[in-house]
Amino acid sequence: MFINGVDDLMYFGVLLSVAVRWAVSRFPYSGAGKPPMFGDYEAQRHWMEITVNLPAHEWYKNSTKNDLLYWGLDYPPLTAYHSMICGYIAKWHNPDWVSLNTSRGYESYHHKIFMRSTVLVADVVFYVALICYWSIVYKPWNIRNKAIAAGLCLLYPGLILIDHGHFQYPLQVKQIIISKFLSYKEKLFSSLNCN
C-alpha cells in the first residue's frame, strides 16, 4: 500500500527501528555503577551539568567549577548546545540531576529513562527524519527500493549499539553527513556514474 508516495514498508521500518533502539537502551551501558567515572552515561549527564551551570566561554576551560579531568567536554560546540538543551529539560524535571559538582555519579531509574529518551528523541528527530527524507526525494529508485534502503540505514546495528547501547549522542555528525550528502547527491552520483 502506498500513502502519499511512501510505501507502507517505510512506516514499518521506522516503527521497527524505534522499537529496536528502545529495546537496546534497556540493557546496561559501559561503566554503569562503576566509580569514579561511571562510563559514558555519566559523561553525557556531566556535560548537561556543565552547559546548564556555566557560561559557554567556560565549557572548555579547566577551573574549580569545571574539572576537565572528570569528563571534560571534548565534543564540538554543536554537541555542547545539544547537551545544554537536554540539561535544561533535565533541570526542569529534577534540578538534582544537573546540580553543579554535587551531581557527580548521579544514577536513578527515572534519570536513566530520561537520558535514554533524550537519545531516542534526538535520533528520531535528526537521523530517522533525514533518512526518510532522503529515501523519499532520491529519484532513481522505485518506492519499494527506497523503503528497503531506508530500513537498512535505520536498522544499522553499529549506530544503534553506539547511540543506544553504549550511550552516545553522535547524531549531529550523522545529520551533517546526511545533509551534505543530500545537497551534493547529484554531483556525487554523476561522478560515480551511479544515476
N, C-alpha and C. Protein backbone atom coordinates (compact mmCIF):
# COMPACT_ATOMS: atom_id res chain seq x y z
N MET A 1 0.84 -1.18 0.00
CA MET A 1 0.00 0.00 0.00
C MET A 1 0.88 1.24 0.00
N PHE A 2 0.48 2.26 -0.73
CA PHE A 2 1.23 3.50 -0.81
C PHE A 2 0.40 4.64 -0.23
N ILE A 3 1.01 5.42 0.63
CA ILE A 3 0.36 6.59 1.21
C ILE A 3 1.22 7.80 0.86
N ASN A 4 0.68 8.69 0.05
CA ASN A 4 1.42 9.89 -0.39
C ASN A 4 2.79 9.53 -0.96
N GLY A 5 2.86 8.48 -1.75
CA GLY A 5 4.11 8.11 -2.39
C GLY A 5 5.09 7.39 -1.49
N VAL A 6 4.66 6.96 -0.32
CA VAL A 6 5.54 6.26 0.60
C VAL A 6 5.00 4.86 0.82
N ASP A 7 5.86 3.89 0.67
CA ASP A 7 5.47 2.50 0.84
C ASP A 7 5.18 2.23 2.32
N ASP A 8 4.21 1.36 2.58
CA ASP A 8 3.92 1.01 3.98
C ASP A 8 5.11 0.33 4.63
N LEU A 9 5.98 -0.24 3.82
CA LEU A 9 7.20 -0.83 4.35
C LEU A 9 8.07 0.23 5.04
N MET A 10 8.02 1.45 4.55
CA MET A 10 8.76 2.55 5.16
C MET A 10 8.24 2.81 6.58
N TYR A 11 6.93 2.86 6.74
CA TYR A 11 6.35 3.07 8.07
C TYR A 11 6.74 1.94 9.01
N PHE A 12 6.68 0.72 8.51
CA PHE A 12 7.07 -0.44 9.32
C PHE A 12 8.54 -0.33 9.72
N GLY A 13 9.40 0.04 8.77
CA GLY A 13 10.83 0.18 9.06
C GLY A 13 11.11 1.22 10.12
N VAL A 14 10.42 2.34 10.05
CA VAL A 14 10.60 3.40 11.05
C VAL A 14 10.16 2.91 12.43
N LEU A 15 8.97 2.32 12.50
CA LEU A 15 8.48 1.82 13.79
C LEU A 15 9.39 0.73 14.35
N LEU A 16 9.83 -0.18 13.49
CA LEU A 16 10.73 -1.25 13.93
C LEU A 16 12.05 -0.67 14.43
N SER A 17 12.59 0.31 13.72
CA SER A 17 13.87 0.89 14.14
C SER A 17 13.75 1.61 15.48
N VAL A 18 12.64 2.28 15.72
CA VAL A 18 12.43 2.93 17.02
C VAL A 18 12.29 1.88 18.12
N ALA A 19 11.56 0.81 17.85
CA ALA A 19 11.39 -0.26 18.83
C ALA A 19 12.73 -0.93 19.15
N VAL A 20 13.54 -1.18 18.14
CA VAL A 20 14.85 -1.80 18.37
C VAL A 20 15.74 -0.86 19.19
N ARG A 21 15.71 0.42 18.87
CA ARG A 21 16.51 1.38 19.63
C ARG A 21 16.11 1.38 21.10
N TRP A 22 14.82 1.39 21.36
CA TRP A 22 14.36 1.40 22.75
C TRP A 22 14.72 0.09 23.45
N ALA A 23 14.59 -1.03 22.76
CA ALA A 23 14.93 -2.33 23.35
C ALA A 23 16.41 -2.38 23.71
N VAL A 24 17.27 -1.92 22.82
CA VAL A 24 18.71 -1.90 23.10
C VAL A 24 19.02 -1.00 24.29
N SER A 25 18.30 0.08 24.42
CA SER A 25 18.57 1.03 25.51
C SER A 25 18.21 0.46 26.88
N ARG A 26 17.47 -0.60 26.93
CA ARG A 26 17.06 -1.19 28.21
C ARG A 26 18.18 -2.00 28.86
N PHE A 27 19.23 -2.30 28.11
CA PHE A 27 20.34 -3.08 28.65
C PHE A 27 21.35 -2.16 29.33
N PRO A 28 22.24 -2.73 30.17
CA PRO A 28 23.25 -1.91 30.84
C PRO A 28 24.20 -1.25 29.83
N TYR A 29 24.85 -0.20 30.26
CA TYR A 29 25.81 0.53 29.44
C TYR A 29 27.18 0.41 30.10
N SER A 30 28.23 0.73 29.37
CA SER A 30 29.58 0.62 29.92
C SER A 30 29.75 1.59 31.08
N GLY A 31 30.34 1.10 32.16
CA GLY A 31 30.62 1.94 33.32
C GLY A 31 29.49 2.10 34.30
N ALA A 32 28.38 1.43 34.08
CA ALA A 32 27.22 1.57 34.98
C ALA A 32 27.61 1.17 36.40
N GLY A 33 27.42 2.10 37.34
CA GLY A 33 27.68 1.83 38.75
C GLY A 33 29.14 1.63 39.10
N LYS A 34 30.06 2.06 38.23
CA LYS A 34 31.49 1.84 38.46
C LYS A 34 32.21 3.18 38.67
N PRO A 35 32.39 3.57 39.94
CA PRO A 35 33.11 4.81 40.21
C PRO A 35 34.59 4.66 39.81
N PRO A 36 35.32 5.70 39.61
CA PRO A 36 34.93 7.08 39.83
C PRO A 36 34.32 7.76 38.59
N MET A 37 34.41 7.14 37.41
CA MET A 37 33.97 7.84 36.19
C MET A 37 32.57 7.44 35.73
N PHE A 38 32.09 6.27 36.04
CA PHE A 38 30.72 5.83 35.77
C PHE A 38 30.35 5.68 34.29
N GLY A 39 31.30 5.74 33.40
CA GLY A 39 31.03 5.47 31.98
C GLY A 39 30.41 6.63 31.22
N ASP A 40 30.03 6.32 29.97
CA ASP A 40 29.54 7.36 29.06
C ASP A 40 28.21 7.97 29.47
N TYR A 41 27.40 7.24 30.19
CA TYR A 41 26.16 7.81 30.73
C TYR A 41 26.50 9.03 31.58
N GLU A 42 27.49 8.86 32.46
CA GLU A 42 27.89 9.96 33.34
C GLU A 42 28.53 11.09 32.54
N ALA A 43 29.28 10.75 31.50
CA ALA A 43 29.88 11.79 30.66
C ALA A 43 28.79 12.68 30.06
N GLN A 44 27.76 12.06 29.51
CA GLN A 44 26.68 12.83 28.89
C GLN A 44 25.92 13.64 29.94
N ARG A 45 25.67 13.03 31.11
CA ARG A 45 24.98 13.75 32.19
C ARG A 45 25.81 14.92 32.67
N HIS A 46 27.12 14.68 32.82
CA HIS A 46 28.02 15.73 33.30
C HIS A 46 28.09 16.89 32.30
N TRP A 47 28.08 16.60 31.02
CA TRP A 47 28.10 17.67 30.03
C TRP A 47 26.84 18.52 30.11
N MET A 48 25.72 17.88 30.44
CA MET A 48 24.49 18.65 30.67
C MET A 48 24.67 19.56 31.88
N GLU A 49 25.27 19.00 32.93
CA GLU A 49 25.54 19.77 34.15
C GLU A 49 26.40 20.99 33.86
N ILE A 50 27.47 20.79 33.12
CA ILE A 50 28.40 21.89 32.81
C ILE A 50 27.73 22.95 31.95
N THR A 51 27.04 22.53 30.90
CA THR A 51 26.47 23.51 29.95
C THR A 51 25.30 24.28 30.54
N VAL A 52 24.61 23.70 31.51
CA VAL A 52 23.49 24.39 32.15
C VAL A 52 23.98 25.38 33.21
N ASN A 53 25.06 25.04 33.89
CA ASN A 53 25.50 25.84 35.04
C ASN A 53 26.64 26.82 34.76
N LEU A 54 27.31 26.67 33.64
CA LEU A 54 28.44 27.56 33.35
C LEU A 54 28.20 28.29 32.03
N PRO A 55 28.74 29.51 31.91
CA PRO A 55 28.62 30.21 30.62
C PRO A 55 29.44 29.49 29.55
N ALA A 56 29.08 29.67 28.31
CA ALA A 56 29.71 28.94 27.20
C ALA A 56 31.22 29.12 27.15
N HIS A 57 31.72 30.28 27.51
CA HIS A 57 33.17 30.50 27.44
C HIS A 57 33.95 29.71 28.49
N GLU A 58 33.26 29.08 29.45
CA GLU A 58 33.92 28.26 30.47
C GLU A 58 33.78 26.76 30.22
N TRP A 59 33.05 26.37 29.20
CA TRP A 59 32.79 24.95 28.96
C TRP A 59 34.06 24.14 28.69
N TYR A 60 35.02 24.73 28.05
CA TYR A 60 36.22 24.00 27.64
C TYR A 60 37.46 24.41 28.44
N LYS A 61 37.26 25.15 29.54
CA LYS A 61 38.38 25.62 30.36
C LYS A 61 38.37 24.91 31.71
N ASN A 62 39.56 24.49 32.14
CA ASN A 62 39.70 23.85 33.44
C ASN A 62 39.59 24.90 34.54
N SER A 63 38.77 24.59 35.55
CA SER A 63 38.59 25.50 36.68
C SER A 63 38.07 24.69 37.87
N THR A 64 37.89 25.37 39.00
CA THR A 64 37.34 24.67 40.17
C THR A 64 35.90 24.23 39.91
N LYS A 65 35.20 24.94 39.05
CA LYS A 65 33.83 24.57 38.71
C LYS A 65 33.76 23.53 37.59
N ASN A 66 34.82 23.43 36.81
CA ASN A 66 34.82 22.56 35.64
C ASN A 66 36.14 21.80 35.56
N ASP A 67 36.20 20.66 36.23
CA ASP A 67 37.39 19.81 36.24
C ASP A 67 37.43 19.02 34.93
N LEU A 68 38.31 19.41 34.03
CA LEU A 68 38.38 18.76 32.72
C LEU A 68 38.87 17.32 32.80
N LEU A 69 39.47 16.94 33.92
CA LEU A 69 39.89 15.55 34.07
C LEU A 69 38.71 14.64 34.41
N TYR A 70 37.61 15.23 34.83
CA TYR A 70 36.40 14.46 35.08
C TYR A 70 35.43 14.72 33.93
N TRP A 71 35.51 13.92 32.91
CA TRP A 71 34.65 14.01 31.74
C TRP A 71 34.57 15.43 31.19
N GLY A 72 35.73 16.02 30.97
CA GLY A 72 35.74 17.34 30.35
C GLY A 72 35.04 17.32 29.00
N LEU A 73 34.35 18.37 28.71
CA LEU A 73 33.61 18.48 27.45
C LEU A 73 34.62 18.51 26.30
N ASP A 74 34.64 17.45 25.51
CA ASP A 74 35.62 17.35 24.43
C ASP A 74 34.96 17.16 23.06
N TYR A 75 33.69 17.47 22.97
CA TYR A 75 32.97 17.43 21.70
C TYR A 75 32.78 18.87 21.22
N PRO A 76 32.52 19.06 19.94
CA PRO A 76 32.36 20.43 19.41
C PRO A 76 31.15 21.16 19.98
N PRO A 77 31.10 22.47 19.81
CA PRO A 77 30.02 23.29 20.38
C PRO A 77 28.61 22.84 19.99
N LEU A 78 28.41 22.33 18.80
CA LEU A 78 27.07 21.87 18.42
C LEU A 78 26.57 20.81 19.39
N THR A 79 27.45 19.89 19.75
CA THR A 79 27.10 18.86 20.74
C THR A 79 26.88 19.49 22.11
N ALA A 80 27.70 20.47 22.45
CA ALA A 80 27.55 21.14 23.75
C ALA A 80 26.20 21.83 23.86
N TYR A 81 25.77 22.48 22.79
CA TYR A 81 24.46 23.14 22.83
C TYR A 81 23.32 22.12 22.90
N HIS A 82 23.51 20.98 22.27
CA HIS A 82 22.52 19.90 22.41
C HIS A 82 22.47 19.44 23.86
N SER A 83 23.65 19.29 24.49
CA SER A 83 23.70 18.92 25.91
C SER A 83 23.01 19.96 26.77
N MET A 84 23.18 21.23 26.42
CA MET A 84 22.56 22.31 27.18
C MET A 84 21.03 22.23 27.09
N ILE A 85 20.50 22.00 25.91
CA ILE A 85 19.05 21.88 25.75
C ILE A 85 18.53 20.72 26.60
N CYS A 86 19.19 19.56 26.48
CA CYS A 86 18.78 18.40 27.29
C CYS A 86 18.95 18.70 28.77
N GLY A 87 20.01 19.43 29.12
CA GLY A 87 20.26 19.78 30.51
C GLY A 87 19.18 20.67 31.10
N TYR A 88 18.70 21.63 30.34
CA TYR A 88 17.61 22.48 30.84
C TYR A 88 16.32 21.68 31.03
N ILE A 89 16.08 20.74 30.15
CA ILE A 89 14.90 19.87 30.33
C ILE A 89 15.09 19.01 31.57
N ALA A 90 16.31 18.49 31.77
CA ALA A 90 16.61 17.70 32.97
C ALA A 90 16.43 18.54 34.23
N LYS A 91 16.93 19.76 34.20
CA LYS A 91 16.82 20.65 35.36
C LYS A 91 15.36 20.95 35.68
N TRP A 92 14.55 21.08 34.66
CA TRP A 92 13.12 21.32 34.86
C TRP A 92 12.47 20.12 35.55
N HIS A 93 12.86 18.90 35.14
CA HIS A 93 12.31 17.68 35.76
C HIS A 93 12.81 17.51 37.19
N ASN A 94 14.12 17.66 37.38
CA ASN A 94 14.71 17.45 38.70
C ASN A 94 16.07 18.15 38.74
N PRO A 95 16.18 19.27 39.43
CA PRO A 95 17.44 20.03 39.47
C PRO A 95 18.63 19.22 39.98
N ASP A 96 18.38 18.19 40.81
CA ASP A 96 19.48 17.37 41.33
C ASP A 96 20.23 16.63 40.21
N TRP A 97 19.57 16.38 39.11
CA TRP A 97 20.19 15.64 38.00
C TRP A 97 21.37 16.40 37.41
N VAL A 98 21.35 17.72 37.47
CA VAL A 98 22.41 18.53 36.84
C VAL A 98 22.98 19.57 37.80
N SER A 99 22.88 19.33 39.09
CA SER A 99 23.41 20.26 40.08
C SER A 99 24.94 20.31 39.97
N LEU A 100 25.50 21.50 39.88
CA LEU A 100 26.93 21.67 39.64
C LEU A 100 27.76 21.03 40.75
N ASN A 101 28.64 20.13 40.38
CA ASN A 101 29.60 19.42 41.23
C ASN A 101 28.98 18.43 42.22
N THR A 102 27.75 18.62 42.66
CA THR A 102 27.15 17.69 43.63
C THR A 102 26.42 16.54 42.95
N SER A 103 26.26 16.60 41.66
CA SER A 103 25.52 15.54 40.97
C SER A 103 26.43 14.49 40.34
N ARG A 104 27.71 14.55 40.61
CA ARG A 104 28.65 13.57 40.03
C ARG A 104 28.24 12.15 40.37
N GLY A 105 28.21 11.32 39.35
CA GLY A 105 27.87 9.92 39.54
C GLY A 105 26.40 9.67 39.79
N TYR A 106 25.57 10.67 39.58
CA TYR A 106 24.13 10.53 39.83
C TYR A 106 23.53 9.47 38.92
N GLU A 107 22.86 8.51 39.51
CA GLU A 107 22.14 7.49 38.76
C GLU A 107 20.83 7.20 39.47
N SER A 108 19.76 7.22 38.73
CA SER A 108 18.47 6.79 39.27
C SER A 108 17.66 6.21 38.11
N TYR A 109 16.66 5.45 38.43
CA TYR A 109 15.84 4.84 37.40
C TYR A 109 15.21 5.91 36.51
N HIS A 110 14.61 6.92 37.12
CA HIS A 110 13.94 7.97 36.35
C HIS A 110 14.91 8.78 35.49
N HIS A 111 16.09 9.02 36.04
CA HIS A 111 17.07 9.76 35.25
C HIS A 111 17.56 8.93 34.07
N LYS A 112 17.75 7.64 34.26
CA LYS A 112 18.17 6.78 33.14
C LYS A 112 17.10 6.77 32.05
N ILE A 113 15.84 6.70 32.44
CA ILE A 113 14.76 6.75 31.45
C ILE A 113 14.80 8.09 30.71
N PHE A 114 15.00 9.16 31.46
CA PHE A 114 15.10 10.48 30.83
C PHE A 114 16.25 10.52 29.83
N MET A 115 17.43 10.08 30.27
CA MET A 115 18.61 10.12 29.40
C MET A 115 18.41 9.26 28.16
N ARG A 116 17.88 8.06 28.34
CA ARG A 116 17.64 7.19 27.18
C ARG A 116 16.61 7.81 26.25
N SER A 117 15.63 8.47 26.82
CA SER A 117 14.60 9.13 25.99
C SER A 117 15.18 10.27 25.18
N THR A 118 16.13 11.02 25.77
CA THR A 118 16.74 12.11 25.01
C THR A 118 17.53 11.58 23.82
N VAL A 119 18.18 10.44 23.99
CA VAL A 119 18.91 9.83 22.87
C VAL A 119 17.93 9.41 21.78
N LEU A 120 16.84 8.76 22.19
CA LEU A 120 15.85 8.27 21.23
C LEU A 120 15.18 9.42 20.48
N VAL A 121 14.74 10.43 21.21
CA VAL A 121 14.06 11.56 20.56
C VAL A 121 15.00 12.27 19.60
N ALA A 122 16.23 12.53 20.04
CA ALA A 122 17.19 13.20 19.17
C ALA A 122 17.48 12.37 17.93
N ASP A 123 17.60 11.07 18.09
CA ASP A 123 17.87 10.20 16.95
C ASP A 123 16.70 10.22 15.96
N VAL A 124 15.48 10.18 16.48
CA VAL A 124 14.31 10.21 15.60
C VAL A 124 14.21 11.56 14.89
N VAL A 125 14.42 12.64 15.62
CA VAL A 125 14.29 13.98 15.02
C VAL A 125 15.37 14.24 13.98
N PHE A 126 16.61 13.88 14.28
CA PHE A 126 17.71 14.22 13.38
C PHE A 126 18.00 13.12 12.36
N TYR A 127 18.19 11.90 12.82
CA TYR A 127 18.65 10.83 11.93
C TYR A 127 17.51 10.17 11.17
N VAL A 128 16.52 9.69 11.88
CA VAL A 128 15.41 8.97 11.23
C VAL A 128 14.70 9.88 10.23
N ALA A 129 14.45 11.11 10.63
CA ALA A 129 13.76 12.04 9.72
C ALA A 129 14.57 12.29 8.46
N LEU A 130 15.89 12.47 8.60
CA LEU A 130 16.72 12.71 7.41
C LEU A 130 16.80 11.49 6.50
N ILE A 131 16.87 10.30 7.09
CA ILE A 131 16.90 9.08 6.27
C ILE A 131 15.59 8.95 5.51
N CYS A 132 14.48 9.20 6.17
CA CYS A 132 13.18 9.13 5.49
C CYS A 132 13.09 10.17 4.38
N TYR A 133 13.54 11.37 4.66
CA TYR A 133 13.54 12.42 3.64
C TYR A 133 14.39 12.00 2.44
N TRP A 134 15.59 11.51 2.71
CA TRP A 134 16.48 11.06 1.64
C TRP A 134 15.81 9.98 0.79
N SER A 135 15.19 9.03 1.45
CA SER A 135 14.60 7.92 0.69
C SER A 135 13.41 8.39 -0.15
N ILE A 136 12.74 9.43 0.27
CA ILE A 136 11.59 9.93 -0.49
C ILE A 136 12.05 10.78 -1.68
N VAL A 137 13.08 11.61 -1.49
CA VAL A 137 13.50 12.52 -2.57
C VAL A 137 14.47 11.88 -3.56
N TYR A 138 15.07 10.76 -3.21
CA TYR A 138 16.03 10.13 -4.10
C TYR A 138 15.29 9.56 -5.30
N LYS A 139 15.53 10.11 -6.47
CA LYS A 139 14.71 9.83 -7.66
C LYS A 139 14.95 8.49 -8.36
N PRO A 140 16.19 8.02 -8.51
CA PRO A 140 16.39 6.86 -9.38
C PRO A 140 15.70 5.56 -8.93
N TRP A 141 15.35 5.43 -7.66
CA TRP A 141 14.78 4.17 -7.20
C TRP A 141 13.27 4.22 -7.17
N ASN A 142 12.66 3.03 -7.23
CA ASN A 142 11.21 2.97 -7.05
C ASN A 142 10.90 3.03 -5.56
N ILE A 143 9.63 3.19 -5.25
CA ILE A 143 9.21 3.41 -3.86
C ILE A 143 9.60 2.25 -2.95
N ARG A 144 9.45 1.03 -3.42
CA ARG A 144 9.79 -0.13 -2.59
C ARG A 144 11.29 -0.17 -2.29
N ASN A 145 12.13 0.09 -3.28
CA ASN A 145 13.58 0.09 -3.05
C ASN A 145 14.00 1.21 -2.11
N LYS A 146 13.34 2.35 -2.20
CA LYS A 146 13.62 3.45 -1.28
C LYS A 146 13.31 3.03 0.16
N ALA A 147 12.18 2.36 0.35
CA ALA A 147 11.78 1.92 1.69
C ALA A 147 12.77 0.90 2.24
N ILE A 148 13.22 -0.01 1.39
CA ILE A 148 14.18 -1.02 1.83
C ILE A 148 15.51 -0.36 2.20
N ALA A 149 15.98 0.58 1.37
CA ALA A 149 17.23 1.28 1.67
C ALA A 149 17.12 2.05 2.98
N ALA A 150 16.01 2.72 3.18
CA ALA A 150 15.81 3.46 4.43
C ALA A 150 15.80 2.51 5.62
N GLY A 151 15.11 1.39 5.48
CA GLY A 151 15.07 0.41 6.56
C GLY A 151 16.44 -0.11 6.92
N LEU A 152 17.27 -0.37 5.91
CA LEU A 152 18.63 -0.84 6.16
C LEU A 152 19.45 0.22 6.88
N CYS A 153 19.31 1.47 6.48
CA CYS A 153 20.02 2.56 7.17
C CYS A 153 19.54 2.71 8.61
N LEU A 154 18.24 2.63 8.80
CA LEU A 154 17.67 2.84 10.13
C LEU A 154 17.97 1.69 11.08
N LEU A 155 18.20 0.50 10.55
CA LEU A 155 18.45 -0.67 11.40
C LEU A 155 19.93 -1.06 11.43
N TYR A 156 20.80 -0.17 10.99
CA TYR A 156 22.23 -0.47 11.00
C TYR A 156 22.69 -0.66 12.45
N PRO A 157 23.17 -1.86 12.81
CA PRO A 157 23.49 -2.17 14.21
C PRO A 157 24.58 -1.29 14.82
N GLY A 158 25.57 -0.91 14.04
CA GLY A 158 26.65 -0.10 14.60
C GLY A 158 26.17 1.19 15.22
N LEU A 159 25.31 1.90 14.52
CA LEU A 159 24.80 3.17 15.05
C LEU A 159 23.86 2.94 16.23
N ILE A 160 23.05 1.92 16.15
CA ILE A 160 22.11 1.65 17.24
C ILE A 160 22.87 1.27 18.51
N LEU A 161 23.87 0.41 18.39
CA LEU A 161 24.62 -0.02 19.57
C LEU A 161 25.43 1.12 20.18
N ILE A 162 26.02 1.97 19.34
CA ILE A 162 26.80 3.09 19.87
C ILE A 162 25.90 4.11 20.54
N ASP A 163 24.85 4.52 19.86
CA ASP A 163 23.97 5.56 20.40
C ASP A 163 23.14 5.07 21.58
N HIS A 164 22.52 3.93 21.42
CA HIS A 164 21.52 3.49 22.39
C HIS A 164 22.03 2.44 23.37
N GLY A 165 23.08 1.72 23.02
CA GLY A 165 23.65 0.73 23.92
C GLY A 165 24.80 1.30 24.72
N HIS A 166 25.78 1.83 24.02
CA HIS A 166 26.99 2.36 24.65
C HIS A 166 26.72 3.72 25.29
N PHE A 167 25.77 4.43 24.82
CA PHE A 167 25.29 5.72 25.33
C PHE A 167 26.08 6.89 24.78
N GLN A 168 25.81 7.24 23.57
CA GLN A 168 26.44 8.37 22.90
C GLN A 168 25.38 9.22 22.20
N TYR A 169 25.79 10.41 21.82
CA TYR A 169 24.94 11.30 21.03
C TYR A 169 25.68 11.76 19.77
N PRO A 170 26.20 10.88 18.93
CA PRO A 170 26.88 11.36 17.73
C PRO A 170 25.90 11.73 16.61
N LEU A 171 24.68 12.00 16.97
CA LEU A 171 23.64 12.26 15.98
C LEU A 171 23.89 13.51 15.16
N GLN A 172 24.53 14.52 15.75
CA GLN A 172 24.77 15.73 14.97
C GLN A 172 25.71 15.45 13.81
N VAL A 173 26.71 14.60 14.05
CA VAL A 173 27.63 14.24 12.98
C VAL A 173 26.88 13.51 11.88
N LYS A 174 26.00 12.60 12.26
CA LYS A 174 25.20 11.88 11.26
C LYS A 174 24.34 12.86 10.47
N GLN A 175 23.74 13.82 11.16
CA GLN A 175 22.88 14.78 10.48
C GLN A 175 23.67 15.60 9.48
N ILE A 176 24.84 16.05 9.86
CA ILE A 176 25.65 16.86 8.96
C ILE A 176 26.08 16.05 7.74
N ILE A 177 26.51 14.82 7.97
CA ILE A 177 26.94 13.97 6.85
C ILE A 177 25.78 13.72 5.89
N ILE A 178 24.63 13.37 6.41
CA ILE A 178 23.48 13.09 5.55
C ILE A 178 23.03 14.36 4.83
N SER A 179 23.02 15.49 5.53
CA SER A 179 22.62 16.75 4.90
C SER A 179 23.56 17.11 3.76
N LYS A 180 24.85 16.96 3.99
CA LYS A 180 25.83 17.23 2.93
C LYS A 180 25.63 16.26 1.77
N PHE A 181 25.39 15.01 2.11
CA PHE A 181 25.16 14.01 1.08
C PHE A 181 23.95 14.40 0.23
N LEU A 182 22.89 14.83 0.88
CA LEU A 182 21.69 15.22 0.14
C LEU A 182 21.96 16.44 -0.74
N SER A 183 22.74 17.38 -0.25
CA SER A 183 22.98 18.59 -1.04
C SER A 183 23.91 18.35 -2.22
N TYR A 184 24.74 17.33 -2.12
CA TYR A 184 25.68 17.05 -3.20
C TYR A 184 25.37 15.75 -3.94
N LYS A 185 24.22 15.16 -3.68
CA LYS A 185 23.92 13.84 -4.24
C LYS A 185 24.00 13.81 -5.75
N GLU A 186 23.53 14.84 -6.41
CA GLU A 186 23.57 14.84 -7.87
C GLU A 186 25.01 14.81 -8.37
N LYS A 187 25.86 15.65 -7.79
CA LYS A 187 27.27 15.68 -8.20
C LYS A 187 27.95 14.35 -7.88
N LEU A 188 27.67 13.83 -6.70
CA LEU A 188 28.29 12.58 -6.27
C LEU A 188 27.91 11.43 -7.19
N PHE A 189 26.62 11.27 -7.43
CA PHE A 189 26.18 10.14 -8.25
C PHE A 189 26.62 10.28 -9.70
N SER A 190 26.65 11.49 -10.21
CA SER A 190 27.10 11.65 -11.60
C SER A 190 28.60 11.36 -11.70
N SER A 191 29.37 11.70 -10.67
CA SER A 191 30.80 11.42 -10.71
C SER A 191 31.09 9.93 -10.56
N LEU A 192 30.20 9.22 -9.91
CA LEU A 192 30.36 7.77 -9.75
C LEU A 192 29.62 6.98 -10.82
N ASN A 193 28.96 7.67 -11.72
CA ASN A 193 28.14 7.04 -12.76
C ASN A 193 27.09 6.10 -12.17
N CYS A 194 26.50 6.52 -11.07
CA CYS A 194 25.50 5.69 -10.39
C CYS A 194 24.07 6.10 -10.70
N ASN A 195 23.86 7.16 -11.43
CA ASN A 195 22.47 7.59 -11.63
C ASN A 195 21.91 7.11 -12.94
